Amino acid sequence: DRLSNTDKQLHGLQQVQEMKLLRERAKGDRLEENRKDARALEERAAD
């Protein structure tokens, strides 16, 4: 009974961590796109 309760808690924690991972990955991808855009604008200004 204790192990099954722990299993439920761990699965809930796993879902939360999966959502956090997806959020962090999306943030990183967005920042990467912004960096590429900024770099392109800087190159354009230099040209």
All heavy atoms as atom14 arrays in JSON, in Angstrom:
{
  "sequence": "DRLSNTDKQLHGLQQVQEMKLLRERAKGDRLEENRKDARALEERAAD",
  "atom14_mask": [
    [1, 1, 1, 1, 1, 1, 1, 1, 0, 0, 0, 0, 0, 0],
    [1, 1, 1, 1, 1, 1, 1, 1, 1, 1, 1, 0, 0, 0],
    [1, 1, 1, 1, 1, 1, 1, 1, 0, 0, 0, 0, 0, 0],
    [1, 1, 1, 1, 1, 1, 0, 0, 0, 0, 0, 0, 0, 0],
    [1, 1, 1, 1, 1, 1, 1, 1, 0, 0, 0, 0, 0, 0],
    [1, 1, 1, 1, 1, 1, 1, 0, 0, 0, 0, 0, 0, 0],
    [1, 1, 1, 1, 1, 1, 1, 1, 0, 0, 0, 0, 0, 0],
    [1, 1, 1, 1, 1, 1, 1, 1, 1, 0, 0, 0, 0, 0],
    [1, 1, 1, 1, 1, 1, 1, 1, 1, 0, 0, 0, 0, 0],
    [1, 1, 1, 1, 1, 1, 1, 1, 0, 0, 0, 0, 0, 0],
    [1, 1, 1, 1, 1, 1, 1, 1, 1, 1, 0, 0, 0, 0],
    [1, 1, 1, 1, 0, 0, 0, 0, 0, 0, 0, 0, 0, 0],
    [1, 1, 1, 1, 1, 1, 1, 1, 0, 0, 0, 0, 0, 0],
    [1, 1, 1, 1, 1, 1, 1, 1, 1, 0, 0, 0, 0, 0],
    [1, 1, 1, 1, 1, 1, 1, 1, 1, 0, 0, 0, 0, 0],
    [1, 1, 1, 1, 1, 1, 1, 0, 0, 0, 0, 0, 0, 0],
    [1, 1, 1, 1, 1, 1, 1, 1, 1, 0, 0, 0, 0, 0],
    [1, 1, 1, 1, 1, 1, 1, 1, 1, 0, 0, 0, 0, 0],
    [1, 1, 1, 1, 1, 1, 1, 1, 0, 0, 0, 0, 0, 0],
    [1, 1, 1, 1, 1, 1, 1, 1, 1, 0, 0, 0, 0, 0],
    [1, 1, 1, 1, 1, 1, 1, 1, 0, 0, 0, 0, 0, 0],
    [1, 1, 1, 1, 1, 1, 1, 1, 0, 0, 0, 0, 0, 0],
    [1, 1, 1, 1, 1, 1, 1, 1, 1, 1, 1, 0, 0, 0],
    [1, 1, 1, 1, 1, 1, 1, 1, 1, 0, 0, 0, 0, 0],
    [1, 1, 1, 1, 1, 1, 1, 1, 1, 1, 1, 0, 0, 0],
    [1, 1, 1, 1, 1, 0, 0, 0, 0, 0, 0, 0, 0, 0],
    [1, 1, 1, 1, 1, 1, 1, 1, 1, 0, 0, 0, 0, 0],
    [1, 1, 1, 1, 0, 0, 0, 0, 0, 0, 0, 0, 0, 0],
    [1, 1, 1, 1, 1, 1, 1, 1, 0, 0, 0, 0, 0, 0],
    [1, 1, 1, 1, 1, 1, 1, 1, 1, 1, 1, 0, 0, 0],
    [1, 1, 1, 1, 1, 1, 1, 1, 0, 0, 0, 0, 0, 0],
    [1, 1, 1, 1, 1, 1, 1, 1, 1, 0, 0, 0, 0, 0],
    [1, 1, 1, 1, 1, 1, 1, 1, 1, 0, 0, 0, 0, 0],
    [1, 1, 1, 1, 1, 1, 1, 1, 0, 0, 0, 0, 0, 0],
    [1, 1, 1, 1, 1, 1, 1, 1, 1, 1, 1, 0, 0, 0],
    [1, 1, 1, 1, 1, 1, 1, 1, 1, 0, 0, 0, 0, 0],
    [1, 1, 1, 1, 1, 1, 1, 1, 0, 0, 0, 0, 0, 0],
    [1, 1, 1, 1, 1, 0, 0, 0, 0, 0, 0, 0, 0, 0],
    [1, 1, 1, 1, 1, 1, 1, 1, 1, 1, 1, 0, 0, 0],
    [1, 1, 1, 1, 1, 0, 0, 0, 0, 0, 0, 0, 0, 0],
    [1, 1, 1, 1, 1, 1, 1, 1, 0, 0, 0, 0, 0, 0],
    [1, 1, 1, 1, 1, 1, 1, 1, 1, 0, 0, 0, 0, 0],
    [1, 1, 1, 1, 1, 1, 1, 1, 1, 0, 0, 0, 0, 0],
    [1, 1, 1, 1, 1, 1, 1, 1, 1, 1, 1, 0, 0, 0],
    [1, 1, 1, 1, 1, 0, 0, 0, 0, 0, 0, 0, 0, 0],
    [1, 1, 1, 1, 1, 0, 0, 0, 0, 0, 0, 0, 0, 0],
    [1, 1, 1, 1, 1, 1, 1, 1, 0, 0, 0, 0, 0, 0]
  ],
  "atom14_positions": [
    [[0.83, -1.2, 0.0], [0.0, 0.0, 0.0], [0.87, 1.26, 0.0], [0.62, 2.19, -0.76], [-0.93, 0.0, 1.22], [-1.92, 1.13, 1.18], [-2.5, 1.38, 0.1], [-2.13, 1.77, 2.24], [0.0, 0.0, 0.0], [0.0, 0.0, 0.0], [0.0, 0.0, 0.0], [0.0, 0.0, 0.0], [0.0, 0.0, 0.0], [0.0, 0.0, 0.0]],
    [[1.91, 1.28, 0.81], [2.83, 2.42, 0.84], [3.56, 2.57, -0.5], [3.72, 3.69, -1.0], [3.85, 2.27, 1.97], [3.26, 2.52, 3.36], [4.34, 2.64, 4.42], [5.22, 1.48, 4.48], [4.99, 0.38, 5.21], [3.88, 0.26, 5.92], [5.87, -0.61, 5.21], [0.0, 0.0, 0.0], [0.0, 0.0, 0.0], [0.0, 0.0, 0.0]],
    [[3.97, 1.45, -1.08], [4.66, 1.5, -2.38], [3.72, 2.01, -3.48], [4.14, 2.76, -4.36], [5.23, 0.13, -2.74], [6.45, -0.32, -1.96], [6.77, -1.77, -2.28], [7.64, 0.56, -2.25], [0.0, 0.0, 0.0], [0.0, 0.0, 0.0], [0.0, 0.0, 0.0], [0.0, 0.0, 0.0], [0.0, 0.0, 0.0], [0.0, 0.0, 0.0]],
    [[2.46, 1.61, -3.44], [1.52, 2.07, -4.48], [1.25, 3.57, -4.31], [1.11, 4.29, -5.31], [0.23, 1.26, -4.46], [-0.45, 1.44, -3.25], [0.0, 0.0, 0.0], [0.0, 0.0, 0.0], [0.0, 0.0, 0.0], [0.0, 0.0, 0.0], [0.0, 0.0, 0.0], [0.0, 0.0, 0.0], [0.0, 0.0, 0.0], [0.0, 0.0, 0.0]],
    [[1.19, 4.04, -3.07], [1.03, 5.49, -2.86], [2.26, 6.25, -3.36], [2.13, 7.31, -3.99], [0.8, 5.8, -1.37], [-0.59, 5.41, -0.91], [-1.51, 5.32, -1.72], [-0.73, 5.17, 0.38], [0.0, 0.0, 0.0], [0.0, 0.0, 0.0], [0.0, 0.0, 0.0], [0.0, 0.0, 0.0], [0.0, 0.0, 0.0], [0.0, 0.0, 0.0]],
    [[3.43, 5.72, -3.08], [4.67, 6.33, -3.57], [4.68, 6.34, -5.09], [5.1, 7.33, -5.72], [5.9, 5.57, -3.03], [5.86, 5.58, -1.62], [7.19, 6.19, -3.52], [0.0, 0.0, 0.0], [0.0, 0.0, 0.0], [0.0, 0.0, 0.0], [0.0, 0.0, 0.0], [0.0, 0.0, 0.0], [0.0, 0.0, 0.0], [0.0, 0.0, 0.0]],
    [[4.19, 5.27, -5.71], [4.14, 5.18, -7.16], [3.26, 6.29, -7.74], [3.64, 6.94, -8.72], [3.63, 3.8, -7.58], [3.77, 3.55, -9.06], [4.91, 3.67, -9.56], [2.75, 3.25, -9.71], [0.0, 0.0, 0.0], [0.0, 0.0, 0.0], [0.0, 0.0, 0.0], [0.0, 0.0, 0.0], [0.0, 0.0, 0.0], [0.0, 0.0, 0.0]],
    [[2.12, 6.51, -7.14], [1.22, 7.58, -7.6], [1.91, 8.95, -7.48], [1.83, 9.77, -8.39], [-0.07, 7.58, -6.79], [-0.98, 6.41, -7.08], [-2.19, 6.43, -6.18], [-3.0, 5.16, -6.33], [-4.1, 5.1, -5.36], [0.0, 0.0, 0.0], [0.0, 0.0, 0.0], [0.0, 0.0, 0.0], [0.0, 0.0, 0.0], [0.0, 0.0, 0.0]],
    [[2.57, 9.17, -6.35], [3.26, 10.45, -6.15], [4.37, 10.63, -7.16], [4.55, 11.73, -7.73], [3.83, 10.52, -4.74], [2.79, 10.64, -3.65], [3.4, 10.54, -2.26], [4.56, 10.17, -2.1], [2.6, 10.87, -1.25], [0.0, 0.0, 0.0], [0.0, 0.0, 0.0], [0.0, 0.0, 0.0], [0.0, 0.0, 0.0], [0.0, 0.0, 0.0]],
    [[5.13, 9.58, -7.41], [6.24, 9.68, -8.37], [5.73, 9.93, -9.78], [6.34, 10.7, -10.53], [7.1, 8.42, -8.32], [7.98, 8.27, -7.09], [8.66, 6.91, -7.07], [9.02, 9.37, -7.03], [0.0, 0.0, 0.0], [0.0, 0.0, 0.0], [0.0, 0.0, 0.0], [0.0, 0.0, 0.0], [0.0, 0.0, 0.0], [0.0, 0.0, 0.0]],
    [[4.62, 9.31, -10.15], [4.08, 9.55, -11.48], [3.57, 10.99, -11.61], [3.72, 11.61, -12.68], [2.98, 8.54, -11.81], [3.5, 7.26, -12.34], [3.85, 6.2, -11.54], [3.79, 6.87, -13.61], [4.3, 5.21, -12.26], [4.29, 5.59, -13.53], [0.0, 0.0, 0.0], [0.0, 0.0, 0.0], [0.0, 0.0, 0.0], [0.0, 0.0, 0.0]],
    [[2.98, 11.53, -10.55], [2.57, 12.94, -10.57], [3.77, 13.86, -10.71], [3.75, 14.82, -11.49], [0.0, 0.0, 0.0], [0.0, 0.0, 0.0], [0.0, 0.0, 0.0], [0.0, 0.0, 0.0], [0.0, 0.0, 0.0], [0.0, 0.0, 0.0], [0.0, 0.0, 0.0], [0.0, 0.0, 0.0], [0.0, 0.0, 0.0], [0.0, 0.0, 0.0]],
    [[4.82, 13.55, -9.95], [6.05, 14.33, -10.04], [6.66, 14.24, -11.44], [7.14, 15.24, -11.99], [7.06, 13.85, -8.99], [8.41, 14.55, -8.94], [8.24, 16.02, -8.61], [9.3, 13.87, -7.93], [0.0, 0.0, 0.0], [0.0, 0.0, 0.0], [0.0, 0.0, 0.0], [0.0, 0.0, 0.0], [0.0, 0.0, 0.0], [0.0, 0.0, 0.0]],
    [[6.6, 13.06, -12.02], [7.14, 12.87, -13.37], [6.4, 13.74, -14.38], [7.02, 14.37, -15.24], [7.05, 11.4, -13.77], [7.66, 11.11, -15.12], [7.51, 9.65, -15.53], [6.57, 8.97, -15.1], [8.43, 9.17, -16.32], [0.0, 0.0, 0.0], [0.0, 0.0, 0.0], [0.0, 0.0, 0.0], [0.0, 0.0, 0.0], [0.0, 0.0, 0.0]],
    [[5.09, 13.82, -14.26], [4.31, 14.65, -15.18], [4.69, 16.13, -15.03], [4.85, 16.84, -16.03], [2.81, 14.48, -14.94], [2.28, 13.15, -15.41], [0.8, 12.99, -15.09], [0.26, 13.69, -14.23], [0.15, 12.09, -15.8], [0.0, 0.0, 0.0], [0.0, 0.0, 0.0], [0.0, 0.0, 0.0], [0.0, 0.0, 0.0], [0.0, 0.0, 0.0]],
    [[4.84, 16.57, -13.79], [5.23, 17.96, -13.55], [6.6, 18.24, -14.16], [6.83, 19.27, -14.8], [5.22, 18.27, -12.03], [5.87, 19.6, -11.74], [3.79, 18.25, -11.5], [0.0, 0.0, 0.0], [0.0, 0.0, 0.0], [0.0, 0.0, 0.0], [0.0, 0.0, 0.0], [0.0, 0.0, 0.0], [0.0, 0.0, 0.0], [0.0, 0.0, 0.0]],
    [[7.54, 17.31, -13.96], [8.89, 17.5, -14.49], [8.91, 17.45, -16.01], [9.69, 18.17, -16.65], [9.83, 16.47, -13.9], [10.13, 16.72, -12.44], [10.97, 15.63, -11.81], [11.02, 14.5, -12.29], [11.62, 15.97, -10.7], [0.0, 0.0, 0.0], [0.0, 0.0, 0.0], [0.0, 0.0, 0.0], [0.0, 0.0, 0.0], [0.0, 0.0, 0.0]],
    [[8.07, 16.63, -16.62], [8.0, 16.6, -18.08], [7.49, 17.94, -18.62], [8.0, 18.45, -19.62], [7.09, 15.46, -18.54], [7.71, 14.09, -18.41], [6.74, 12.97, -18.68], [5.51, 13.23, -18.78], [7.2, 11.82, -18.79], [0.0, 0.0, 0.0], [0.0, 0.0, 0.0], [0.0, 0.0, 0.0], [0.0, 0.0, 0.0], [0.0, 0.0, 0.0]],
    [[6.47, 18.5, -17.94], [5.97, 19.81, -18.37], [7.04, 20.88, -18.2], [7.2, 21.75, -19.06], [4.71, 20.18, -17.59], [3.5, 19.36, -17.96], [1.93, 19.89, -17.22], [2.34, 20.01, -15.5], [0.0, 0.0, 0.0], [0.0, 0.0, 0.0], [0.0, 0.0, 0.0], [0.0, 0.0, 0.0], [0.0, 0.0, 0.0], [0.0, 0.0, 0.0]],
    [[7.78, 20.82, -17.1], [8.85, 21.8, -16.87], [9.92, 21.67, -17.95], [10.41, 22.67, -18.47], [9.48, 21.58, -15.49], [10.59, 22.56, -15.2], [11.2, 22.34, -13.84], [12.32, 23.34, -13.6], [12.97, 23.13, -12.32], [0.0, 0.0, 0.0], [0.0, 0.0, 0.0], [0.0, 0.0, 0.0], [0.0, 0.0, 0.0], [0.0, 0.0, 0.0]],
    [[10.27, 20.44, -18.31], [11.27, 20.22, -19.36], [10.79, 20.82, -20.68], [11.56, 21.49, -21.38], [11.56, 18.73, -19.52], [12.5, 18.33, -20.64], [13.88, 18.94, -20.42], [12.6, 16.83, -20.74], [0.0, 0.0, 0.0], [0.0, 0.0, 0.0], [0.0, 0.0, 0.0], [0.0, 0.0, 0.0], [0.0, 0.0, 0.0], [0.0, 0.0, 0.0]],
    [[9.54, 20.6, -21.02], [9.01, 21.17, -22.26], [9.02, 22.7, -22.23], [9.35, 23.34, -23.23], [7.58, 20.66, -22.5], [7.46, 19.18, -22.85], [5.99, 18.78, -22.94], [8.18, 18.87, -24.15], [0.0, 0.0, 0.0], [0.0, 0.0, 0.0], [0.0, 0.0, 0.0], [0.0, 0.0, 0.0], [0.0, 0.0, 0.0], [0.0, 0.0, 0.0]],
    [[8.69, 23.28, -21.07], [8.72, 24.74, -20.94], [10.14, 25.28, -21.11], [10.35, 26.26, -21.83], [8.18, 25.15, -19.57], [6.78, 25.65, -19.55], [6.38, 26.34, -18.26], [7.01, 25.86, -17.05], [6.54, 24.89, -16.26], [5.43, 24.27, -16.58], [7.18, 24.54, -15.16], [0.0, 0.0, 0.0], [0.0, 0.0, 0.0], [0.0, 0.0, 0.0]],
    [[11.09, 24.63, -20.45], [12.49, 25.08, -20.54], [13.0, 24.95, -21.97], [13.71, 25.83, -22.47], [13.38, 24.28, -19.58], [13.05, 24.44, -18.12], [13.23, 25.84, -17.58], [13.99, 26.63, -18.16], [12.59, 26.15, -16.56], [0.0, 0.0, 0.0], [0.0, 0.0, 0.0], [0.0, 0.0, 0.0], [0.0, 0.0, 0.0], [0.0, 0.0, 0.0]],
    [[12.64, 23.87, -22.63], [13.07, 23.67, -24.02], [12.46, 24.73, -24.93], [13.15, 25.28, -25.81], [12.68, 22.26, -24.48], [13.25, 21.91, -25.85], [13.09, 20.45, -26.16], [14.0, 19.7, -25.3], [13.75, 18.47, -24.85], [12.64, 17.86, -25.17], [14.62, 17.84, -24.1], [0.0, 0.0, 0.0], [0.0, 0.0, 0.0], [0.0, 0.0, 0.0]],
    [[11.18, 25.05, -24.71], [10.52, 26.07, -25.53], [11.16, 27.44, -25.3], [11.37, 28.2, -26.26], [9.03, 26.11, -25.21], [0.0, 0.0, 0.0], [0.0, 0.0, 0.0], [0.0, 0.0, 0.0], [0.0, 0.0, 0.0], [0.0, 0.0, 0.0], [0.0, 0.0, 0.0], [0.0, 0.0, 0.0], [0.0, 0.0, 0.0], [0.0, 0.0, 0.0]],
    [[11.49, 27.75, -24.05], [12.16, 29.02, -23.76], [13.51, 29.09, -24.48], [13.86, 30.13, -25.06], [12.4, 29.17, -22.26], [11.19, 29.51, -21.44], [11.6, 29.63, -19.98], [10.45, 29.71, -19.05], [10.89, 29.72, -17.63], [0.0, 0.0, 0.0], [0.0, 0.0, 0.0], [0.0, 0.0, 0.0], [0.0, 0.0, 0.0], [0.0, 0.0, 0.0]],
    [[14.26, 28.01, -24.41], [15.57, 27.97, -25.07], [15.44, 28.15, -26.58], [16.23, 28.87, -27.19], [0.0, 0.0, 0.0], [0.0, 0.0, 0.0], [0.0, 0.0, 0.0], [0.0, 0.0, 0.0], [0.0, 0.0, 0.0], [0.0, 0.0, 0.0], [0.0, 0.0, 0.0], [0.0, 0.0, 0.0], [0.0, 0.0, 0.0], [0.0, 0.0, 0.0]],
    [[14.45, 27.48, -27.17], [14.24, 27.6, -28.61], [13.86, 29.03, -28.99], [14.33, 29.57, -30.0], [13.15, 26.63, -29.08], [13.59, 25.17, -28.96], [14.8, 24.91, -28.8], [12.7, 24.29, -29.01], [0.0, 0.0, 0.0], [0.0, 0.0, 0.0], [0.0, 0.0, 0.0], [0.0, 0.0, 0.0], [0.0, 0.0, 0.0], [0.0, 0.0, 0.0]],
    [[13.0, 29.65, -28.17], [12.6, 31.03, -28.44], [13.78, 31.98, -28.34], [13.97, 32.86, -29.19], [11.5, 31.43, -27.44], [10.27, 31.98, -28.06], [9.19, 32.43, -27.1], [9.38, 32.26, -25.7], [8.83, 31.28, -24.96], [8.08, 30.37, -25.52], [9.05, 31.22, -23.67], [0.0, 0.0, 0.0], [0.0, 0.0, 0.0], [0.0, 0.0, 0.0]],
    [[14.59, 31.79, -27.3], [15.78, 32.64, -27.15], [16.75, 32.44, -28.3], [17.37, 33.41, -28.79], [16.48, 32.34, -25.82], [15.84, 32.92, -24.57], [16.5, 32.36, -23.32], [15.92, 34.43, -24.57], [0.0, 0.0, 0.0], [0.0, 0.0, 0.0], [0.0, 0.0, 0.0], [0.0, 0.0, 0.0], [0.0, 0.0, 0.0], [0.0, 0.0, 0.0]],
    [[16.89, 31.21, -28.75], [17.78, 30.92, -29.89], [17.3, 31.63, -31.15], [18.09, 32.2, -31.9], [17.87, 29.41, -30.11], [18.8, 29.0, -31.22], [20.27, 29.26, -30.9], [20.63, 29.27, -29.71], [21.05, 29.46, -31.85], [0.0, 0.0, 0.0], [0.0, 0.0, 0.0], [0.0, 0.0, 0.0], [0.0, 0.0, 0.0], [0.0, 0.0, 0.0]],
    [[15.98, 31.6, -31.38], [15.43, 32.3, -32.55], [15.66, 33.81, -32.43], [16.05, 34.46, -33.41], [13.93, 32.01, -32.68], [13.63, 30.63, -33.2], [14.16, 30.4, -34.59], [14.04, 31.29, -35.46], [14.73, 29.31, -34.82], [0.0, 0.0, 0.0], [0.0, 0.0, 0.0], [0.0, 0.0, 0.0], [0.0, 0.0, 0.0], [0.0, 0.0, 0.0]],
    [[15.44, 34.35, -31.23], [15.68, 35.79, -31.03], [17.15, 36.13, -31.25], [17.47, 37.19, -31.8], [15.24, 36.21, -29.63], [13.74, 36.21, -29.46], [13.0, 36.24, -30.43], [13.29, 36.15, -28.22], [0.0, 0.0, 0.0], [0.0, 0.0, 0.0], [0.0, 0.0, 0.0], [0.0, 0.0, 0.0], [0.0, 0.0, 0.0], [0.0, 0.0, 0.0]],
    [[18.05, 35.25, -30.81], [19.48, 35.48, -31.0], [19.82, 35.5, -32.49], [20.55, 36.36, -32.96], [20.31, 34.41, -30.3], [21.82, 34.67, -30.39], [22.63, 33.47, -30.02], [22.49, 32.38, -30.95], [23.1, 32.29, -32.14], [23.91, 33.24, -32.54], [22.92, 31.27, -32.93], [0.0, 0.0, 0.0], [0.0, 0.0, 0.0], [0.0, 0.0, 0.0]],
    [[19.26, 34.55, -33.23], [19.52, 34.51, -34.68], [18.99, 35.76, -35.37], [19.66, 36.32, -36.25], [18.88, 33.26, -35.29], [19.6, 31.98, -34.93], [18.9, 30.78, -35.53], [19.58, 29.48, -35.11], [18.86, 28.3, -35.63], [0.0, 0.0, 0.0], [0.0, 0.0, 0.0], [0.0, 0.0, 0.0], [0.0, 0.0, 0.0], [0.0, 0.0, 0.0]],
    [[17.8, 36.2, -34.96], [17.24, 37.43, -35.55], [18.1, 38.64, -35.22], [18.36, 39.48, -36.09], [15.81, 37.65, -35.04], [14.82, 36.61, -35.55], [15.15, 35.9, -36.53], [13.72, 36.51, -34.96], [0.0, 0.0, 0.0], [0.0, 0.0, 0.0], [0.0, 0.0, 0.0], [0.0, 0.0, 0.0], [0.0, 0.0, 0.0], [0.0, 0.0, 0.0]],
    [[18.55, 38.72, -33.96], [19.4, 39.85, -33.56], [20.71, 39.82, -34.33], [21.21, 40.87, -34.76], [19.66, 39.81, -32.05], [0.0, 0.0, 0.0], [0.0, 0.0, 0.0], [0.0, 0.0, 0.0], [0.0, 0.0, 0.0], [0.0, 0.0, 0.0], [0.0, 0.0, 0.0], [0.0, 0.0, 0.0], [0.0, 0.0, 0.0], [0.0, 0.0, 0.0]],
    [[21.27, 38.64, -34.51], [22.52, 38.52, -35.25], [22.34, 38.95, -36.71], [23.19, 39.67, -37.26], [23.02, 37.07, -35.18], [24.32, 36.83, -35.89], [25.45, 37.5, -35.15], [26.67, 37.31, -35.91], [27.67, 38.15, -35.9], [27.64, 39.2, -35.12], [28.73, 37.94, -36.63], [0.0, 0.0, 0.0], [0.0, 0.0, 0.0], [0.0, 0.0, 0.0]],
    [[21.24, 38.55, -37.3], [20.96, 38.95, -38.69], [20.81, 40.46, -38.79], [21.33, 41.09, -39.74], [19.7, 38.25, -39.2], [0.0, 0.0, 0.0], [0.0, 0.0, 0.0], [0.0, 0.0, 0.0], [0.0, 0.0, 0.0], [0.0, 0.0, 0.0], [0.0, 0.0, 0.0], [0.0, 0.0, 0.0], [0.0, 0.0, 0.0], [0.0, 0.0, 0.0]],
    [[20.13, 41.08, -37.83], [19.98, 42.54, -37.84], [21.32, 43.24, -37.65], [21.58, 44.27, -38.29], [19.0, 42.97, -36.75], [17.53, 42.64, -36.99], [16.68, 42.99, -35.78], [17.02, 43.37, -38.23], [0.0, 0.0, 0.0], [0.0, 0.0, 0.0], [0.0, 0.0, 0.0], [0.0, 0.0, 0.0], [0.0, 0.0, 0.0], [0.0, 0.0, 0.0]],
    [[22.16, 42.7, -36.79], [23.49, 43.29, -36.58], [24.34, 43.19, -37.84], [25.04, 44.13, -38.21], [24.19, 42.61, -35.41], [23.59, 42.94, -34.06], [24.09, 42.05, -32.94], [24.91, 41.13, -33.22], [23.66, 42.25, -31.79], [0.0, 0.0, 0.0], [0.0, 0.0, 0.0], [0.0, 0.0, 0.0], [0.0, 0.0, 0.0], [0.0, 0.0, 0.0]],
    [[24.26, 42.03, -38.51], [25.02, 41.88, -39.76], [24.5, 42.83, -40.82], [25.28, 43.43, -41.58], [24.94, 40.43, -40.25], [25.74, 39.46, -39.41], [25.54, 38.01, -39.83], [24.74, 37.74, -40.76], [26.19, 37.15, -39.21], [0.0, 0.0, 0.0], [0.0, 0.0, 0.0], [0.0, 0.0, 0.0], [0.0, 0.0, 0.0], [0.0, 0.0, 0.0]],
    [[23.19, 42.98, -40.87], [22.58, 43.9, -41.84], [23.04, 45.33, -41.57], [23.4, 46.08, -42.48], [21.06, 43.79, -41.75], [20.28, 44.79, -42.55], [20.39, 44.52, -44.03], [19.81, 45.59, -44.8], [18.71, 45.49, -45.5], [18.07, 44.35, -45.56], [18.26, 46.52, -46.17], [0.0, 0.0, 0.0], [0.0, 0.0, 0.0], [0.0, 0.0, 0.0]],
    [[23.03, 45.72, -40.28], [23.47, 47.08, -39.92], [24.95, 47.27, -40.27], [25.34, 48.34, -40.76], [23.23, 47.33, -38.44], [0.0, 0.0, 0.0], [0.0, 0.0, 0.0], [0.0, 0.0, 0.0], [0.0, 0.0, 0.0], [0.0, 0.0, 0.0], [0.0, 0.0, 0.0], [0.0, 0.0, 0.0], [0.0, 0.0, 0.0], [0.0, 0.0, 0.0]],
    [[25.77, 46.26, -40.02], [27.19, 46.36, -40.35], [27.39, 46.48, -41.85], [28.22, 47.27, -42.32], [27.94, 45.14, -39.8], [0.0, 0.0, 0.0], [0.0, 0.0, 0.0], [0.0, 0.0, 0.0], [0.0, 0.0, 0.0], [0.0, 0.0, 0.0], [0.0, 0.0, 0.0], [0.0, 0.0, 0.0], [0.0, 0.0, 0.0], [0.0, 0.0, 0.0]],
    [[26.62, 45.71, -42.63], [26.71, 45.82, -44.09], [26.27, 47.2, -44.57], [26.91, 47.78, -45.45], [25.84, 44.73, -44.76], [26.4, 43.33, -44.56], [27.59, 43.2, -44.19], [25.65, 42.36, -44.79], [0.0, 0.0, 0.0], [0.0, 0.0, 0.0], [0.0, 0.0, 0.0], [0.0, 0.0, 0.0], [0.0, 0.0, 0.0], [0.0, 0.0, 0.0]]
  ]
}
